[in-house]
Amino acid sequence: QNTTPHITGVPIVGDVTAAATYAATHAIDTVVVTSSDEIT
C-alpha cells in the first residue's frame, strides 16, 4: 500500500534523531530507549 512501515502495528516515524522532534509535535509523554550500539 506504499504506507508508513510498522513494527507490530506501531508506525516507524524516523531514527533516533527524530525522537525529540516527534515528541514535541505529537504530545508524547515518554520516550523509551532500548538497547542499540548506535545509542551511545
PDB file of all heavy atoms in Angstrom:
ATOM      1  N   GLN A   1       0.809  -1.213   0.000  1.00  0.00           N
ATOM      2  CA  GLN A   1       0.000   0.000   0.000  1.00  0.00           C
ATOM      3  C   GLN A   1       0.850   1.275   0.000  1.00  0.00           C
ATOM      4  O   GLN A   1       0.312   2.370   0.045  1.00  0.00           O
ATOM      5  CB  GLN A   1      -0.910  -0.012   1.236  1.00  0.00           C
ATOM      6  CG  GLN A   1      -1.863  -1.203   1.259  1.00  0.00           C
ATOM      7  CD  GLN A   1      -2.678  -1.239   2.549  1.00  0.00           C
ATOM      8  OE1 GLN A   1      -2.676  -0.286   3.315  1.00  0.00           O
ATOM      9  NE2 GLN A   1      -3.369  -2.349   2.773  1.00  0.00           N
ATOM     10  N   ASN A   2       2.194   1.085   0.003  1.00  0.00           N
ATOM     11  CA  ASN A   2       3.114   2.232  -0.013  1.00  0.00           C
ATOM     12  C   ASN A   2       2.830   3.176   1.165  1.00  0.00           C
ATOM     13  O   ASN A   2       2.713   4.391   1.003  1.00  0.00           O
ATOM     14  CB  ASN A   2       2.999   2.994  -1.343  1.00  0.00           C
ATOM     15  CG  ASN A   2       4.153   3.992  -1.511  1.00  0.00           C
ATOM     16  OD1 ASN A   2       5.242   3.795  -0.948  1.00  0.00           O
ATOM     17  ND2 ASN A   2       3.916   5.044  -2.269  1.00  0.00           N
ATOM     18  N   THR A   3       2.685   2.600   2.336  1.00  0.00           N
ATOM     19  CA  THR A   3       2.391   3.392   3.528  1.00  0.00           C
ATOM     20  C   THR A   3       3.582   3.370   4.467  1.00  0.00           C
ATOM     21  O   THR A   3       4.597   2.748   4.197  1.00  0.00           O
ATOM     22  CB  THR A   3       1.147   2.841   4.243  1.00  0.00           C
ATOM     23  OG1 THR A   3       1.394   1.466   4.601  1.00  0.00           O
ATOM     24  CG2 THR A   3      -0.076   2.922   3.354  1.00  0.00           C
ATOM     25  N   THR A   4       3.440   4.061   5.598  1.00  0.00           N
ATOM     26  CA  THR A   4       4.497   4.110   6.584  1.00  0.00           C
ATOM     27  C   THR A   4       4.792   2.714   7.120  1.00  0.00           C
ATOM     28  O   THR A   4       3.872   1.976   7.455  1.00  0.00           O
ATOM     29  CB  THR A   4       4.079   5.017   7.763  1.00  0.00           C
ATOM     30  OG1 THR A   4       3.764   6.300   7.250  1.00  0.00           O
ATOM     31  CG2 THR A   4       5.196   5.118   8.783  1.00  0.00           C
ATOM     32  N   PRO A   5       6.071   2.321   7.209  1.00  0.00           N
ATOM     33  CA  PRO A   5       6.388   0.997   7.762  1.00  0.00           C
ATOM     34  C   PRO A   5       5.988   0.918   9.234  1.00  0.00           C
ATOM     35  O   PRO A   5       6.000   1.915   9.951  1.00  0.00           O
ATOM     36  CB  PRO A   5       7.907   0.898   7.594  1.00  0.00           C
ATOM     37  CG  PRO A   5       8.381   2.307   7.490  1.00  0.00           C
ATOM     38  CD  PRO A   5       7.281   3.066   6.818  1.00  0.00           C
ATOM     39  N   HIS A   6       5.656  -0.287   9.666  1.00  0.00           N
ATOM     40  CA  HIS A   6       5.199  -0.520  11.033  1.00  0.00           C
ATOM     41  C   HIS A   6       5.979  -1.655  11.675  1.00  0.00           C
ATOM     42  O   HIS A   6       6.524  -2.526  10.989  1.00  0.00           O
ATOM     43  CB  HIS A   6       3.706  -0.867  11.074  1.00  0.00           C
ATOM     44  CG  HIS A   6       2.807   0.287  10.791  1.00  0.00           C
ATOM     45  ND1 HIS A   6       2.773   0.934   9.569  1.00  0.00           N
ATOM     46  CD2 HIS A   6       1.890   0.919  11.589  1.00  0.00           C
ATOM     47  CE1 HIS A   6       1.882   1.912   9.616  1.00  0.00           C
ATOM     48  NE2 HIS A   6       1.329   1.922  10.824  1.00  0.00           N
ATOM     49  N   ILE A   7       6.027  -1.643  12.998  1.00  0.00           N
ATOM     50  CA  ILE A   7       6.502  -2.771  13.795  1.00  0.00           C
ATOM     51  C   ILE A   7       5.363  -3.186  14.709  1.00  0.00           C
ATOM     52  O   ILE A   7       4.946  -2.407  15.566  1.00  0.00           O
ATOM     53  CB  ILE A   7       7.741  -2.406  14.638  1.00  0.00           C
ATOM     54  CG1 ILE A   7       8.939  -2.083  13.739  1.00  0.00           C
ATOM     55  CG2 ILE A   7       8.104  -3.546  15.586  1.00  0.00           C
ATOM     56  CD1 ILE A   7      10.191  -1.707  14.502  1.00  0.00           C
ATOM     57  N   THR A   8       4.842  -4.377  14.493  1.00  0.00           N
ATOM     58  CA  THR A   8       3.694  -4.903  15.250  1.00  0.00           C
ATOM     59  C   THR A   8       2.587  -3.866  15.391  1.00  0.00           C
ATOM     60  O   THR A   8       2.034  -3.669  16.477  1.00  0.00           O
ATOM     61  CB  THR A   8       4.118  -5.412  16.646  1.00  0.00           C
ATOM     62  OG1 THR A   8       4.612  -4.307  17.408  1.00  0.00           O
ATOM     63  CG2 THR A   8       5.191  -6.469  16.551  1.00  0.00           C
ATOM     64  N   GLY A   9       2.270  -3.185  14.293  1.00  0.00           N
ATOM     65  CA  GLY A   9       1.179  -2.230  14.287  1.00  0.00           C
ATOM     66  C   GLY A   9       1.533  -0.829  14.718  1.00  0.00           C
ATOM     67  O   GLY A   9       0.679   0.066  14.676  1.00  0.00           O
ATOM     68  N   VAL A  10       2.783  -0.587  15.119  1.00  0.00           N
ATOM     69  CA  VAL A  10       3.214   0.743  15.552  1.00  0.00           C
ATOM     70  C   VAL A  10       4.013   1.398  14.430  1.00  0.00           C
ATOM     71  O   VAL A  10       4.978   0.803  13.926  1.00  0.00           O
ATOM     72  CB  VAL A  10       4.071   0.658  16.833  1.00  0.00           C
ATOM     73  CG1 VAL A  10       4.648   2.026  17.193  1.00  0.00           C
ATOM     74  CG2 VAL A  10       3.240   0.114  17.977  1.00  0.00           C
ATOM     75  N   PRO A  11       3.666   2.620  13.997  1.00  0.00           N
ATOM     76  CA  PRO A  11       4.373   3.249  12.877  1.00  0.00           C
ATOM     77  C   PRO A  11       5.805   3.634  13.234  1.00  0.00           C
ATOM     78  O   PRO A  11       6.085   4.091  14.342  1.00  0.00           O
ATOM     79  CB  PRO A  11       3.523   4.493  12.591  1.00  0.00           C
ATOM     80  CG  PRO A  11       2.835   4.801  13.885  1.00  0.00           C
ATOM     81  CD  PRO A  11       2.578   3.471  14.526  1.00  0.00           C
ATOM     82  N   ILE A  12       6.716   3.436  12.281  1.00  0.00           N
ATOM     83  CA  ILE A  12       8.103   3.880  12.427  1.00  0.00           C
ATOM     84  C   ILE A  12       8.196   5.291  11.853  1.00  0.00           C
ATOM     85  O   ILE A  12       7.970   5.505  10.659  1.00  0.00           O
ATOM     86  CB  ILE A  12       9.070   2.935  11.690  1.00  0.00           C
ATOM     87  CG1 ILE A  12       8.950   1.522  12.268  1.00  0.00           C
ATOM     88  CG2 ILE A  12      10.504   3.433  11.800  1.00  0.00           C
ATOM     89  CD1 ILE A  12       9.751   0.491  11.509  1.00  0.00           C
ATOM     90  N   VAL A  13       8.535   6.259  12.685  1.00  0.00           N
ATOM     91  CA  VAL A  13       8.474   7.666  12.279  1.00  0.00           C
ATOM     92  C   VAL A  13       9.850   8.280  12.043  1.00  0.00           C
ATOM     93  O   VAL A  13       9.949   9.473  11.779  1.00  0.00           O
ATOM     94  CB  VAL A  13       7.721   8.491  13.342  1.00  0.00           C
ATOM     95  CG1 VAL A  13       6.279   8.022  13.452  1.00  0.00           C
ATOM     96  CG2 VAL A  13       8.413   8.414  14.709  1.00  0.00           C
ATOM     97  N   GLY A  14      10.912   7.474  12.123  1.00  0.00           N
ATOM     98  CA  GLY A  14      12.242   8.008  11.860  1.00  0.00           C
ATOM     99  C   GLY A  14      13.294   7.284  12.662  1.00  0.00           C
ATOM    100  O   GLY A  14      13.063   6.198  13.192  1.00  0.00           O
ATOM    101  N   ASP A  15      14.492   7.906  12.727  1.00  0.00           N
ATOM    102  CA  ASP A  15      15.576   7.322  13.501  1.00  0.00           C
ATOM    103  C   ASP A  15      15.679   8.025  14.855  1.00  0.00           C
ATOM    104  O   ASP A  15      14.781   8.761  15.260  1.00  0.00           O
ATOM    105  CB  ASP A  15      16.890   7.408  12.731  1.00  0.00           C
ATOM    106  CG  ASP A  15      17.225   8.846  12.337  1.00  0.00           C
ATOM    107  OD1 ASP A  15      16.596   9.777  12.867  1.00  0.00           O
ATOM    108  OD2 ASP A  15      18.125   9.034  11.502  1.00  0.00           O
ATOM    109  N   VAL A  16      16.796   7.819  15.543  1.00  0.00           N
ATOM    110  CA  VAL A  16      16.951   8.375  16.888  1.00  0.00           C
ATOM    111  C   VAL A  16      16.855   9.894  16.879  1.00  0.00           C
ATOM    112  O   VAL A  16      16.272  10.503  17.791  1.00  0.00           O
ATOM    113  CB  VAL A  16      18.300   7.939  17.481  1.00  0.00           C
ATOM    114  CG1 VAL A  16      18.482   8.517  18.876  1.00  0.00           C
ATOM    115  CG2 VAL A  16      18.391   6.421  17.537  1.00  0.00           C
ATOM    116  N   THR A  17      17.403  10.519  15.844  1.00  0.00           N
ATOM    117  CA  THR A  17      17.416  11.984  15.803  1.00  0.00           C
ATOM    118  C   THR A  17      16.021  12.571  15.667  1.00  0.00           C
ATOM    119  O   THR A  17      15.817  13.751  15.960  1.00  0.00           O
ATOM    120  CB  THR A  17      18.286  12.465  14.633  1.00  0.00           C
ATOM    121  OG1 THR A  17      17.740  11.957  13.397  1.00  0.00           O
ATOM    122  CG2 THR A  17      19.724  11.960  14.781  1.00  0.00           C
ATOM    123  N   ALA A  18      15.052  11.756  15.236  1.00  0.00           N
ATOM    124  CA  ALA A  18      13.688  12.264  15.047  1.00  0.00           C
ATOM    125  C   ALA A  18      12.845  12.145  16.309  1.00  0.00           C
ATOM    126  O   ALA A  18      11.729  12.673  16.359  1.00  0.00           O
ATOM    127  CB  ALA A  18      13.005  11.509  13.906  1.00  0.00           C
ATOM    128  N   ALA A  19      13.351  11.468  17.343  1.00  0.00           N
ATOM    129  CA  ALA A  19      12.534  11.184  18.528  1.00  0.00           C
ATOM    130  C   ALA A  19      12.117  12.454  19.254  1.00  0.00           C
ATOM    131  O   ALA A  19      10.934  12.622  19.595  1.00  0.00           O
ATOM    132  CB  ALA A  19      13.298  10.259  19.471  1.00  0.00           C
ATOM    133  N   ALA A  20      13.065  13.359  19.502  1.00  0.00           N
ATOM    134  CA  ALA A  20      12.744  14.569  20.262  1.00  0.00           C
ATOM    135  C   ALA A  20      11.765  15.454  19.497  1.00  0.00           C
ATOM    136  O   ALA A  20      10.824  16.008  20.075  1.00  0.00           O
ATOM    137  CB  ALA A  20      14.020  15.333  20.586  1.00  0.00           C
ATOM    138  N   THR A  21      11.968  15.594  18.186  1.00  0.00           N
ATOM    139  CA  THR A  21      11.071  16.420  17.378  1.00  0.00           C
ATOM    140  C   THR A  21       9.662  15.847  17.353  1.00  0.00           C
ATOM    141  O   THR A  21       8.668  16.566  17.499  1.00  0.00           O
ATOM    142  CB  THR A  21      11.609  16.538  15.947  1.00  0.00           C
ATOM    143  OG1 THR A  21      12.921  17.088  15.983  1.00  0.00           O
ATOM    144  CG2 THR A  21      10.713  17.424  15.107  1.00  0.00           C
ATOM    145  N   TYR A  22       9.577  14.527  17.182  1.00  0.00           N
ATOM    146  CA  TYR A  22       8.257  13.890  17.159  1.00  0.00           C
ATOM    147  C   TYR A  22       7.562  14.032  18.511  1.00  0.00           C
ATOM    148  O   TYR A  22       6.358  14.283  18.581  1.00  0.00           O
ATOM    149  CB  TYR A  22       8.399  12.411  16.793  1.00  0.00           C
ATOM    150  CG  TYR A  22       7.089  11.726  16.528  1.00  0.00           C
ATOM    151  CD1 TYR A  22       6.524  11.711  15.255  1.00  0.00           C
ATOM    152  CD2 TYR A  22       6.389  11.090  17.558  1.00  0.00           C
ATOM    153  CE1 TYR A  22       5.307  11.085  15.017  1.00  0.00           C
ATOM    154  CE2 TYR A  22       5.173  10.462  17.328  1.00  0.00           C
ATOM    155  CZ  TYR A  22       4.634  10.468  16.053  1.00  0.00           C
ATOM    156  OH  TYR A  22       3.428   9.854  15.823  1.00  0.00           O
ATOM    157  N   ALA A  23       8.319  13.899  19.594  1.00  0.00           N
ATOM    158  CA  ALA A  23       7.748  14.039  20.932  1.00  0.00           C
ATOM    159  C   ALA A  23       7.179  15.434  21.150  1.00  0.00           C
ATOM    160  O   ALA A  23       6.135  15.610  21.762  1.00  0.00           O
ATOM    161  CB  ALA A  23       8.801  13.713  21.990  1.00  0.00           C
ATOM    162  N   ALA A  24       7.876  16.433  20.619  1.00  0.00           N
ATOM    163  CA  ALA A  24       7.432  17.822  20.817  1.00  0.00           C
ATOM    164  C   ALA A  24       6.185  18.154  20.022  1.00  0.00           C
ATOM    165  O   ALA A  24       5.358  18.956  20.451  1.00  0.00           O
ATOM    166  CB  ALA A  24       8.563  18.776  20.430  1.00  0.00           C
ATOM    167  N   THR A  25       6.022  17.532  18.870  1.00  0.00           N
ATOM    168  CA  THR A  25       4.912  17.882  17.980  1.00  0.00           C
ATOM    169  C   THR A  25       3.700  16.962  18.095  1.00  0.00           C
ATOM    170  O   THR A  25       2.670  17.233  17.488  1.00  0.00           O
ATOM    171  CB  THR A  25       5.397  17.880  16.513  1.00  0.00           C
ATOM    172  OG1 THR A  25       5.946  16.585  16.198  1.00  0.00           O
ATOM    173  CG2 THR A  25       6.446  18.958  16.302  1.00  0.00           C
ATOM    174  N   HIS A  26       3.813  15.879  18.875  1.00  0.00           N
ATOM    175  CA  HIS A  26       2.713  14.918  18.952  1.00  0.00           C
ATOM    176  C   HIS A  26       2.298  14.618  20.403  1.00  0.00           C
ATOM    177  O   HIS A  26       1.718  13.559  20.684  1.00  0.00           O
ATOM    178  CB  HIS A  26       3.088  13.605  18.253  1.00  0.00           C
ATOM    179  CG  HIS A  26       3.187  13.729  16.767  1.00  0.00           C
ATOM    180  ND1 HIS A  26       4.292  14.295  16.134  1.00  0.00           N
ATOM    181  CD2 HIS A  26       2.316  13.392  15.777  1.00  0.00           C
ATOM    182  CE1 HIS A  26       4.098  14.280  14.822  1.00  0.00           C
ATOM    183  NE2 HIS A  26       2.908  13.732  14.575  1.00  0.00           N
ATOM    184  N   ALA A  27       2.575  15.519  21.313  1.00  0.00           N
ATOM    185  CA  ALA A  27       2.141  15.382  22.716  1.00  0.00           C
ATOM    186  C   ALA A  27       2.570  14.046  23.318  1.00  0.00           C
ATOM    187  O   ALA A  27       1.776  13.319  23.920  1.00  0.00           O
ATOM    188  CB  ALA A  27       0.629  15.548  22.818  1.00  0.00           C
ATOM    189  N   ILE A  28       3.847  13.723  23.145  1.00  0.00           N
ATOM    190  CA  ILE A  28       4.396  12.490  23.691  1.00  0.00           C
ATOM    191  C   ILE A  28       4.823  12.716  25.141  1.00  0.00           C
ATOM    192  O   ILE A  28       5.501  13.699  25.452  1.00  0.00           O
ATOM    193  CB  ILE A  28       5.587  11.994  22.851  1.00  0.00           C
ATOM    194  CG1 ILE A  28       5.123  11.657  21.431  1.00  0.00           C
ATOM    195  CG2 ILE A  28       6.251  10.789  23.504  1.00  0.00           C
ATOM    196  CD1 ILE A  28       4.092  10.553  21.352  1.00  0.00           C
ATOM    197  N   ASP A  29       4.436  11.809  26.024  1.00  0.00           N
ATOM    198  CA  ASP A  29       4.769  11.927  27.446  1.00  0.00           C
ATOM    199  C   ASP A  29       6.100  11.272  27.796  1.00  0.00           C
ATOM    200  O   ASP A  29       6.795  11.715  28.711  1.00  0.00           O
ATOM    201  CB  ASP A  29       3.674  11.281  28.301  1.00  0.00           C
ATOM    202  CG  ASP A  29       2.303  11.854  28.006  1.00  0.00           C
ATOM    203  OD1 ASP A  29       2.161  13.081  28.054  1.00  0.00           O
ATOM    204  OD2 ASP A  29       1.379  11.062  27.717  1.00  0.00           O
ATOM    205  N   THR A  30       6.445  10.187  27.086  1.00  0.00           N
ATOM    206  CA  THR A  30       7.608   9.376  27.470  1.00  0.00           C
ATOM    207  C   THR A  30       8.327   8.879  26.228  1.00  0.00           C
ATOM    208  O   THR A  30       7.690   8.507  25.237  1.00  0.00           O
ATOM    209  CB  THR A  30       7.167   8.162  28.315  1.00  0.00           C
ATOM    210  OG1 THR A  30       6.387   8.613  29.431  1.00  0.00           O
ATOM    211  CG2 THR A  30       8.368   7.390  28.833  1.00  0.00           C
ATOM    212  N   VAL A  31       9.650   8.875  26.306  1.00  0.00           N
ATOM    213  CA  VAL A  31      10.482   8.257  25.267  1.00  0.00           C
ATOM    214  C   VAL A  31      11.221   7.098  25.915  1.00  0.00           C
ATOM    215  O   VAL A  31      11.986   7.294  26.870  1.00  0.00           O
ATOM    216  CB  VAL A  31      11.474   9.254  24.660  1.00  0.00           C
ATOM    217  CG1 VAL A  31      12.407   8.550  23.682  1.00  0.00           C
ATOM    218  CG2 VAL A  31      10.733  10.386  23.950  1.00  0.00           C
ATOM    219  N   VAL A  32      10.988   5.879  25.417  1.00  0.00           N
ATOM    220  CA  VAL A  32      11.596   4.673  25.981  1.00  0.00           C
ATOM    221  C   VAL A  32      12.701   4.211  25.050  1.00  0.00           C
ATOM    222  O   VAL A  32      12.457   3.901  23.879  1.00  0.00           O
ATOM    223  CB  VAL A  32      10.558   3.554  26.167  1.00  0.00           C
ATOM    224  CG1 VAL A  32      11.184   2.366  26.880  1.00  0.00           C
ATOM    225  CG2 VAL A  32       9.352   4.064  26.943  1.00  0.00           C
ATOM    226  N   VAL A  33      13.931   4.165  25.561  1.00  0.00           N
ATOM    227  CA  VAL A  33      15.095   3.790  24.758  1.00  0.00           C
ATOM    228  C   VAL A  33      15.501   2.368  25.096  1.00  0.00           C
ATOM    229  O   VAL A  33      15.702   2.030  26.273  1.00  0.00           O
ATOM    230  CB  VAL A  33      16.264   4.751  25.027  1.00  0.00           C
ATOM    231  CG1 VAL A  33      17.481   4.336  24.204  1.00  0.00           C
ATOM    232  CG2 VAL A  33      15.865   6.182  24.694  1.00  0.00           C
ATOM    233  N   THR A  34      15.608   1.516  24.082  1.00  0.00           N
ATOM    234  CA  THR A  34      16.061   0.138  24.266  1.00  0.00           C
ATOM    235  C   THR A  34      17.509   0.024  23.809  1.00  0.00           C
ATOM    236  O   THR A  34      18.112   0.988  23.347  1.00  0.00           O
ATOM    237  CB  THR A  34      15.178  -0.824  23.468  1.00  0.00           C
ATOM    238  OG1 THR A  34      15.379  -0.584  22.058  1.00  0.00           O
ATOM    239  CG2 THR A  34      13.716  -0.629  23.793  1.00  0.00           C
ATOM    240  N   SER A  35      18.071  -1.175  23.932  1.00  0.00           N
ATOM    241  CA  SER A  35      19.485  -1.372  23.622  1.00  0.00           C
ATOM    242  C   SER A  35      19.766  -1.207  22.133  1.00  0.00           C
ATOM    243  O   SER A  35      18.991  -1.630  21.283  1.00  0.00           O
ATOM    244  CB  SER A  35      19.921  -2.770  24.071  1.00  0.00           C
ATOM    245  OG  SER A  35      19.115  -3.757  23.444  1.00  0.00           O
ATOM    246  N   SER A  36      20.878  -0.566  21.859  1.00  0.00           N
ATOM    247  CA  SER A  36      21.337  -0.367  20.478  1.00  0.00           C
ATOM    248  C   SER A  36      22.766   0.157  20.506  1.00  0.00           C
ATOM    249  O   SER A  36      23.095   1.036  21.309  1.00  0.00           O
ATOM    250  CB  SER A  36      20.435   0.624  19.730  1.00  0.00           C
ATOM    251  OG  SER A  36      21.005   0.968  18.485  1.00  0.00           O
ATOM    252  N   ASP A  37      23.622  -0.376  19.610  1.00  0.00           N
ATOM    253  CA  ASP A  37      25.005   0.097  19.532  1.00  0.00           C
ATOM    254  C   ASP A  37      25.074   1.548  19.084  1.00  0.00           C
ATOM    255  O   ASP A  37      26.037   2.259  19.395  1.00  0.00           O
ATOM    256  CB  ASP A  37      25.808  -0.775  18.566  1.00  0.00           C
ATOM    257  CG  ASP A  37      25.998  -2.185  19.083  1.00  0.00           C
ATOM    258  OD1 ASP A  37      25.851  -2.377  20.320  1.00  0.00           O
ATOM    259  OD2 ASP A  37      26.271  -3.095  18.288  1.00  0.00           O
ATOM    260  N   GLU A  38      24.064   1.990  18.347  1.00  0.00           N
ATOM    261  CA  GLU A  38      24.087   3.354  17.828  1.00  0.00           C
ATOM    262  C   GLU A  38      23.715   4.393  18.877  1.00  0.00           C
ATOM    263  O   GLU A  38      23.987   5.576  18.701  1.00  0.00           O
ATOM    264  CB  GLU A  38      23.127   3.461  16.633  1.00  0.00           C
ATOM    265  CG  GLU A  38      23.522   2.573  15.455  1.00  0.00           C
ATOM    266  CD  GLU A  38      22.544   2.686  14.305  1.00  0.00           C
ATOM    267  OE1 GLU A  38      21.970   3.772  14.119  1.00  0.00           O
ATOM    268  OE2 GLU A  38      22.327   1.681  13.603  1.00  0.00           O
ATOM    269  N   ILE A  39      23.092   3.950  19.958  1.00  0.00           N
ATOM    270  CA  ILE A  39      22.713   4.891  21.017  1.00  0.00           C
ATOM    271  C   ILE A  39      23.819   4.908  22.058  1.00  0.00           C
ATOM    272  O   ILE A  39      23.813   4.182  23.051  1.00  0.00           O
ATOM    273  CB  ILE A  39      21.362   4.498  21.653  1.00  0.00           C
ATOM    274  CG1 ILE A  39      20.279   4.400  20.581  1.00  0.00           C
ATOM    275  CG2 ILE A  39      20.939   5.515  22.710  1.00  0.00           C
ATOM    276  CD1 ILE A  39      18.932   3.969  21.098  1.00  0.00           C
ATOM    277  N   THR A  40      24.808   5.742  21.819  1.00  0.00           N
ATOM    278  CA  THR A  40      25.947   5.883  22.710  1.00  0.00           C
ATOM    279  C   THR A  40      25.567   6.778  23.894  1.00  0.00           C
ATOM    280  O   THR A  40      24.527   7.442  23.872  1.00  0.00           O
ATOM    281  CB  THR A  40      27.126   6.508  21.964  1.00  0.00           C
ATOM    282  OG1 THR A  40      26.749   7.839  21.539  1.00  0.00           O
ATOM    283  CG2 THR A  40      27.491   5.673  20.737  1.00  0.00           C
TER     284      THR A  40
END
